[in-house]
C-alpha atoms as a PDB file:
ATOM      1  CA  MET A   1       6.663  26.847  63.601  1.00  0.00           C
ATOM      2  CA  THR A   2       4.960  24.546  64.832  1.00  0.00           C
ATOM      3  CA  ALA A   3       1.804  25.308  66.278  1.00  0.00           C
ATOM      4  CA  ILE A   4       0.387  23.198  69.532  1.00  0.00           C
ATOM      5  CA  ARG A   5      -3.381  22.547  69.929  1.00  0.00           C
ATOM      6  CA  ASN A   6      -4.799  20.615  72.574  1.00  0.00           C
ATOM      7  CA  GLY A   7      -1.684  18.758  72.151  1.00  0.00           C
ATOM      8  CA  VAL A   8      -1.181  17.273  68.865  1.00  0.00           C
ATOM      9  CA  SER A   9       1.473  19.784  66.714  1.00  0.00           C
ATOM     10  CA  ASN A  10       0.638  20.202  63.046  1.00  0.00           C
ATOM     11  CA  ASP A  11       3.036  21.874  61.104  1.00  0.00           C
ATOM     12  CA  VAL A  12       2.256  25.241  59.897  1.00  0.00           C
ATOM     13  CA  GLY A  13       4.174  26.605  57.057  1.00  0.00           C
ATOM     14  CA  LYS A  14       5.600  23.519  55.321  1.00  0.00           C
ATOM     15  CA  PRO A  15       4.134  22.089  52.955  1.00  0.00           C
ATOM     16  CA  SER A  16       2.340  18.803  52.962  1.00  0.00           C
ATOM     17  CA  ALA A  17       3.857  15.720  50.870  1.00  0.00           C
ATOM     18  CA  THR A  18       1.046  15.272  49.260  1.00  0.00           C
ATOM     19  CA  PHE A  19       1.367  19.711  47.751  1.00  0.00           C
ATOM     20  CA  LEU A  20       4.625  19.029  46.664  1.00  0.00           C
ATOM     21  CA  LYS A  21       3.255  15.147  44.920  1.00  0.00           C
ATOM     22  CA  SER A  22       0.860  18.227  42.859  1.00  0.00           C
ATOM     23  CA  PHE A  23       2.886  20.429  42.191  1.00  0.00           C
ATOM     24  CA  PHE A  24       5.972  18.751  40.978  1.00  0.00           C
ATOM     25  CA  SER A  25       3.040  16.756  38.923  1.00  0.00           C
ATOM     26  CA  PHE A  26       1.705  20.551  37.257  1.00  0.00           C
ATOM     27  CA  LEU A  27       5.407  21.522  36.849  1.00  0.00           C
ATOM     28  CA  LEU A  28       5.958  18.446  34.789  1.00  0.00           C
ATOM     29  CA  THR A  29       2.872  18.357  32.892  1.00  0.00           C
ATOM     30  CA  PHE A  30       3.556  22.236  32.397  1.00  0.00           C
ATOM     31  CA  ILE A  31       7.089  22.067  30.813  1.00  0.00           C
ATOM     32  CA  LEU A  32       5.843  19.082  29.181  1.00  0.00           C
ATOM     33  CA  MET A  33       3.269  20.637  27.169  1.00  0.00           C
ATOM     34  CA  LEU A  34       4.757  23.771  26.470  1.00  0.00           C
ATOM     35  CA  LEU A  35       8.115  22.461  24.826  1.00  0.00           C
ATOM     36  CA  CYS A  36       6.264  19.975  22.828  1.00  0.00           C
ATOM     37  CA  TRP A  37       3.997  23.160  21.609  1.00  0.00           C
ATOM     38  CA  LEU A  38       7.253  25.603  20.901  1.00  0.00           C
ATOM     39  CA  VAL A  39       8.836  22.353  19.047  1.00  0.00           C
ATOM     40  CA  LEU A  40       5.794  20.846  16.563  1.00  0.00           C
ATOM     41  CA  SER A  41       4.722  25.102  16.243  1.00  0.00           C
ATOM     42  CA  GLY A  42       8.761  26.765  15.861  1.00  0.00           C
ATOM     43  CA  ILE A  43       6.882  30.116  15.765  1.00  0.00           C
ATOM     44  CA  PHE A  44       7.769  32.586  18.594  1.00  0.00           C
ATOM     45  CA  GLU A  45       6.029  35.374  18.508  1.00  0.00           C
ATOM     46  CA  PRO A  46       4.993  36.796  21.893  1.00  0.00           C
ATOM     47  CA  LEU A  47       1.558  36.077  20.868  1.00  0.00           C
ATOM     48  CA  ILE A  48       1.254  33.191  20.262  1.00  0.00           C
ATOM     49  CA  LEU A  49       4.080  32.525  23.228  1.00  0.00           C
ATOM     50  CA  PHE A  50       1.808  34.448  25.431  1.00  0.00           C
ATOM     51  CA  LEU A  51      -1.307  32.269  23.889  1.00  0.00           C
ATOM     52  CA  ALA A  52       0.780  28.915  24.353  1.00  0.00           C
ATOM     53  CA  VAL A  53       2.686  30.129  27.762  1.00  0.00           C
ATOM     54  CA  ILE A  54      -1.593  30.091  28.729  1.00  0.00           C
ATOM     55  CA  SER A  55      -3.159  27.227  26.831  1.00  0.00           C
ATOM     56  CA  CYS A  56      -1.049  24.813  28.447  1.00  0.00           C
ATOM     57  CA  PHE A  57      -1.099  26.294  32.169  1.00  0.00           C
ATOM     58  CA  LEU A  58      -5.121  25.662  31.361  1.00  0.00           C
ATOM     59  CA  VAL A  59      -4.298  21.933  31.054  1.00  0.00           C
ATOM     60  CA  ALA A  60      -1.385  21.047  32.737  1.00  0.00           C
ATOM     61  CA  TYR A  61      -3.861  22.970  35.545  1.00  0.00           C
ATOM     62  CA  TYR A  62      -6.898  20.481  35.150  1.00  0.00           C
ATOM     63  CA  PHE A  63      -5.079  17.757  33.988  1.00  0.00           C
ATOM     64  CA  ASN A  64      -1.824  17.140  35.458  1.00  0.00           C
ATOM     65  CA  ASP A  65      -3.159  13.812  37.206  1.00  0.00           C
ATOM     66  CA  LEU A  66      -3.034  12.471  34.624  1.00  0.00           C
ATOM     67  CA  LEU A  67      -0.517  11.929  32.954  1.00  0.00           C
ATOM     68  CA  PHE A  68       1.656  11.806  36.190  1.00  0.00           C
ATOM     69  CA  PRO A  69      -0.790  10.380  38.652  1.00  0.00           C
ATOM     70  CA  SER A  70       1.491   9.634  41.775  1.00  0.00           C
ATOM     71  CA  LEU A  71       4.308  10.744  41.370  1.00  0.00           C
ATOM     72  CA  GLU A  72       6.918   9.511  43.162  1.00  0.00           C
ATOM     73  CA  LEU A  73      11.208   8.593  42.967  1.00  0.00           C
ATOM     74  CA  LYS A  74      10.775   5.409  41.121  1.00  0.00           C
ATOM     75  CA  TYR A  75       9.211   6.791  38.390  1.00  0.00           C
ATOM     76  CA  ILE A  76      12.610   8.587  37.843  1.00  0.00           C
ATOM     77  CA  GLY A  77      14.738   5.158  37.507  1.00  0.00           C
ATOM     78  CA  ILE A  78      11.973   3.821  34.856  1.00  0.00           C
ATOM     79  CA  PHE A  79      12.039   6.920  32.886  1.00  0.00           C
ATOM     80  CA  PHE A  80      15.949   6.102  32.399  1.00  0.00           C
ATOM     81  CA  ARG A  81      15.636   3.271  32.083  1.00  0.00           C
ATOM     82  CA  PHE A  82      12.779   3.342  28.723  1.00  0.00           C
ATOM     83  CA  VAL A  83      14.895   6.218  26.995  1.00  0.00           C
ATOM     84  CA  HIS A  84      17.523   3.196  26.882  1.00  0.00           C
ATOM     85  CA  TYR A  85      15.148   0.486  25.874  1.00  0.00           C
ATOM     86  CA  LEU A  86      13.900   3.566  22.818  1.00  0.00           C
ATOM     87  CA  PRO A  87      16.940   3.297  20.041  1.00  0.00           C
ATOM     88  CA  TRP A  88      16.406  -0.732  20.773  1.00  0.00           C
ATOM     89  CA  LEU A  89      12.623  -0.344  20.308  1.00  0.00           C
ATOM     90  CA  ILE A  90      13.621   1.737  16.733  1.00  0.00           C
ATOM     91  CA  TRP A  91      15.963  -0.049  15.811  1.00  0.00           C
ATOM     92  CA  GLN A  92      13.626  -3.794  15.612  1.00  0.00           C
ATOM     93  CA  ILE A  93      10.929  -1.428  14.223  1.00  0.00           C
ATOM     94  CA  VAL A  94      13.744  -0.583  11.639  1.00  0.00           C
ATOM     95  CA  LYS A  95      14.136  -4.699  10.925  1.00  0.00           C
ATOM     96  CA  ALA A  96      10.611  -5.429  11.148  1.00  0.00           C
ATOM     97  CA  ASN A  97       9.638  -3.168   8.252  1.00  0.00           C
ATOM     98  CA  PHE A  98      12.258  -3.943   5.930  1.00  0.00           C
ATOM     99  CA  HIS A  99      10.911  -8.151   7.144  1.00  0.00           C
ATOM    100  CA  VAL A 100       7.566  -7.211   5.930  1.00  0.00           C
ATOM    101  CA  LEU A 101       8.588  -5.366   2.863  1.00  0.00           C
ATOM    102  CA  TYR A 102      10.811  -8.665   2.036  1.00  0.00           C
ATOM    103  CA  VAL A 103       7.897 -10.904   2.562  1.00  0.00           C
ATOM    104  CA  THR A 104       4.942  -8.152   0.601  1.00  0.00           C
ATOM    105  CA  LEU A 105       7.658  -7.738  -2.001  1.00  0.00           C
ATOM    106  CA  HIS A 106       9.256 -11.803  -3.074  1.00  0.00           C
ATOM    107  CA  PRO A 107       7.591 -12.788  -5.863  1.00  0.00           C
ATOM    108  CA  ARG A 108       6.313 -15.280  -3.692  1.00  0.00           C
ATOM    109  CA  MET A 109       4.406 -13.255  -1.491  1.00  0.00           C
ATOM    110  CA  LYS A 110       1.442 -15.770  -1.276  1.00  0.00           C
ATOM    111  CA  ASP A 111       3.013 -18.827  -0.164  1.00  0.00           C
ATOM    112  CA  LEU A 112       6.022 -16.103   2.414  1.00  0.00           C
ATOM    113  CA  ILE A 113       2.907 -14.715   4.397  1.00  0.00           C
ATOM    114  CA  ASP A 114       1.243 -17.225   6.852  1.00  0.00           C
ATOM    115  CA  PRO A 115      -1.058 -14.769   9.129  1.00  0.00           C
ATOM    116  CA  GLN A 116      -1.205 -16.441  12.711  1.00  0.00           C
ATOM    117  CA  ILE A 117      -2.748 -15.559  16.041  1.00  0.00           C
ATOM    118  CA  ILE A 118      -0.344 -16.743  18.779  1.00  0.00           C
ATOM    119  CA  THR A 119      -0.662 -16.292  22.831  1.00  0.00           C
ATOM    120  CA  PHE A 120       1.495 -16.200  25.461  1.00  0.00           C
ATOM    121  CA  LYS A 121       1.485 -15.259  28.895  1.00  0.00           C
ATOM    122  CA  THR A 122       3.894 -13.276  30.764  1.00  0.00           C
ATOM    123  CA  ASN A 123       4.692 -12.436  33.977  1.00  0.00           C
ATOM    124  CA  LEU A 124       3.801  -9.287  34.657  1.00  0.00           C
ATOM    125  CA  LYS A 125       2.505  -7.401  37.144  1.00  0.00           C
ATOM    126  CA  SER A 126       2.300  -3.343  36.675  1.00  0.00           C
ATOM    127  CA  GLU A 127      -0.462  -2.374  34.350  1.00  0.00           C
ATOM    128  CA  MET A 128       2.157   0.129  32.495  1.00  0.00           C
ATOM    129  CA  ALA A 129       4.421  -3.388  31.816  1.00  0.00           C
ATOM    130  CA  ILE A 130       1.620  -4.923  30.252  1.00  0.00           C
ATOM    131  CA  VAL A 131       0.834  -2.007  27.676  1.00  0.00           C
ATOM    132  CA  THR A 132       3.990  -1.281  27.141  1.00  0.00           C
ATOM    133  CA  LEU A 133       4.910  -4.785  26.100  1.00  0.00           C
ATOM    134  CA  ALA A 134       1.394  -4.606  23.858  1.00  0.00           C
ATOM    135  CA  ASN A 135       1.837  -0.716  22.151  1.00  0.00           C
ATOM    136  CA  SER A 136       6.067  -1.728  21.193  1.00  0.00           C
ATOM    137  CA  ILE A 137       4.666  -5.214  20.189  1.00  0.00           C
ATOM    138  CA  THR A 138       1.891  -3.457  18.215  1.00  0.00           C
ATOM    139  CA  LEU A 139       4.592  -0.955  16.427  1.00  0.00           C
ATOM    140  CA  THR A 140       6.776  -3.134  15.584  1.00  0.00           C
ATOM    141  CA  PRO A 141       5.573  -3.615  12.196  1.00  0.00           C
ATOM    142  CA  GLY A 142       4.204  -7.527  10.680  1.00  0.00           C
ATOM    143  CA  THR A 143       2.788  -7.316  14.476  1.00  0.00           C
ATOM    144  CA  ILE A 144      -0.437  -5.917  16.343  1.00  0.00           C
ATOM    145  CA  THR A 145      -1.455  -7.048  19.625  1.00  0.00           C
ATOM    146  CA  VAL A 146      -5.049  -8.666  19.603  1.00  0.00           C
ATOM    147  CA  THR A 147      -5.576  -8.708  23.611  1.00  0.00           C
ATOM    148  CA  ALA A 148      -3.525  -8.190  26.833  1.00  0.00           C
ATOM    149  CA  ASP A 149      -5.168  -8.533  30.114  1.00  0.00           C
ATOM    150  CA  ASN A 150      -3.934  -7.790  33.527  1.00  0.00           C
ATOM    151  CA  ASP A 151      -3.326 -11.511  34.359  1.00  0.00           C
ATOM    152  CA  GLY A 152      -0.013 -10.939  31.450  1.00  0.00           C
ATOM    153  CA  VAL A 153      -1.898 -13.508  28.390  1.00  0.00           C
ATOM    154  CA  PHE A 154      -1.022 -11.777  25.653  1.00  0.00           C
ATOM    155  CA  LYS A 155      -2.823 -12.848  21.526  1.00  0.00           C
ATOM    156  CA  VAL A 156      -0.240 -11.587  19.192  1.00  0.00           C
ATOM    157  CA  HIS A 157      -1.294 -11.446  15.587  1.00  0.00           C
ATOM    158  CA  ALA A 158       1.553 -12.135  12.993  1.00  0.00           C
ATOM    159  CA  ILE A 159       2.001 -11.271   9.391  1.00  0.00           C
ATOM    160  CA  ASP A 160       3.788 -14.901   9.224  1.00  0.00           C
ATOM    161  CA  LYS A 161       6.074 -17.521  11.285  1.00  0.00           C
ATOM    162  CA  ALA A 162       9.106 -15.579  11.310  1.00  0.00           C
ATOM    163  CA  SER A 163       7.790 -12.265  12.321  1.00  0.00           C
ATOM    164  CA  ALA A 164       5.212 -14.777  15.501  1.00  0.00           C
ATOM    165  CA  GLU A 165       8.270 -17.243  16.454  1.00  0.00           C
ATOM    166  CA  GLY A 166       9.836 -13.973  17.273  1.00  0.00           C
ATOM    167  CA  CYS A 167       6.986 -13.020  19.778  1.00  0.00           C
ATOM    168  CA  PRO A 168       7.465 -11.855  22.998  1.00  0.00           C
ATOM    169  CA  GLY A 169      10.544 -13.160  22.810  1.00  0.00           C
ATOM    170  CA  ASP A 170      14.131 -10.116  24.038  1.00  0.00           C
ATOM    171  CA  MET A 171      10.640  -7.490  23.933  1.00  0.00           C
ATOM    172  CA  LEU A 172       9.435  -9.023  27.331  1.00  0.00           C
ATOM    173  CA  ASN A 173      12.568  -9.067  28.681  1.00  0.00           C
ATOM    174  CA  LYS A 174      13.801  -6.095  28.149  1.00  0.00           C
ATOM    175  CA  VAL A 175       9.713  -3.984  29.133  1.00  0.00           C
ATOM    176  CA  ALA A 176      10.261  -6.382  32.256  1.00  0.00           C
ATOM    177  CA  LYS A 177      13.579  -4.928  32.831  1.00  0.00           C
ATOM    178  CA  ILE A 178      12.624  -1.478  32.182  1.00  0.00           C
ATOM    179  CA  PHE A 179       9.797  -1.510  35.239  1.00  0.00           C
ATOM    180  CA  GLY A 180      11.775  -4.055  37.475  1.00  0.00           C
ATOM    181  CA  GLU A 181       9.750  -7.013  37.389  1.00  0.00           C
ATOM    182  CA  GLU A 182      10.412 -10.834  37.236  1.00  0.00           C
ATOM    183  CA  ILE A 183      10.068 -12.921  34.233  1.00  0.00           C
END
């Protein structure tokens, strides 16, 4: 229904785009929180489920803009590319665990451990891409992101030369691909 006042039409009864984005942000936050609650608690008694729904509803109502600040279609692609990235990251974490295990249990451990801080610059533009790369580096045993700034400059501590040489490596390319950025 369209109402015309003073020559200007207003759509009455149609939800605005911001309302829809806010509603879907709330709905996704609520569903995600409720699923996490159900998976982590494992209790399916009616009272507990009722309290879970109420708790998730209240938190999602007040804080939905924190998890999904501006829900747009491009985030769906980013989500699926990120899910595709996770198995590769987990495999890198497993490999790095075995490398750190080898270095720390080797009889010549003091010769193999050679701590270094390396600095490199990336062309990543978005904050989310920079944070994803920083967290991916830190999750990989043997490396810790010391600093990462908005210009894409990273300082990373590595436990040995092999860990330092592998940084950022393929991880940078894969993170840039997730967010559709050029390297």
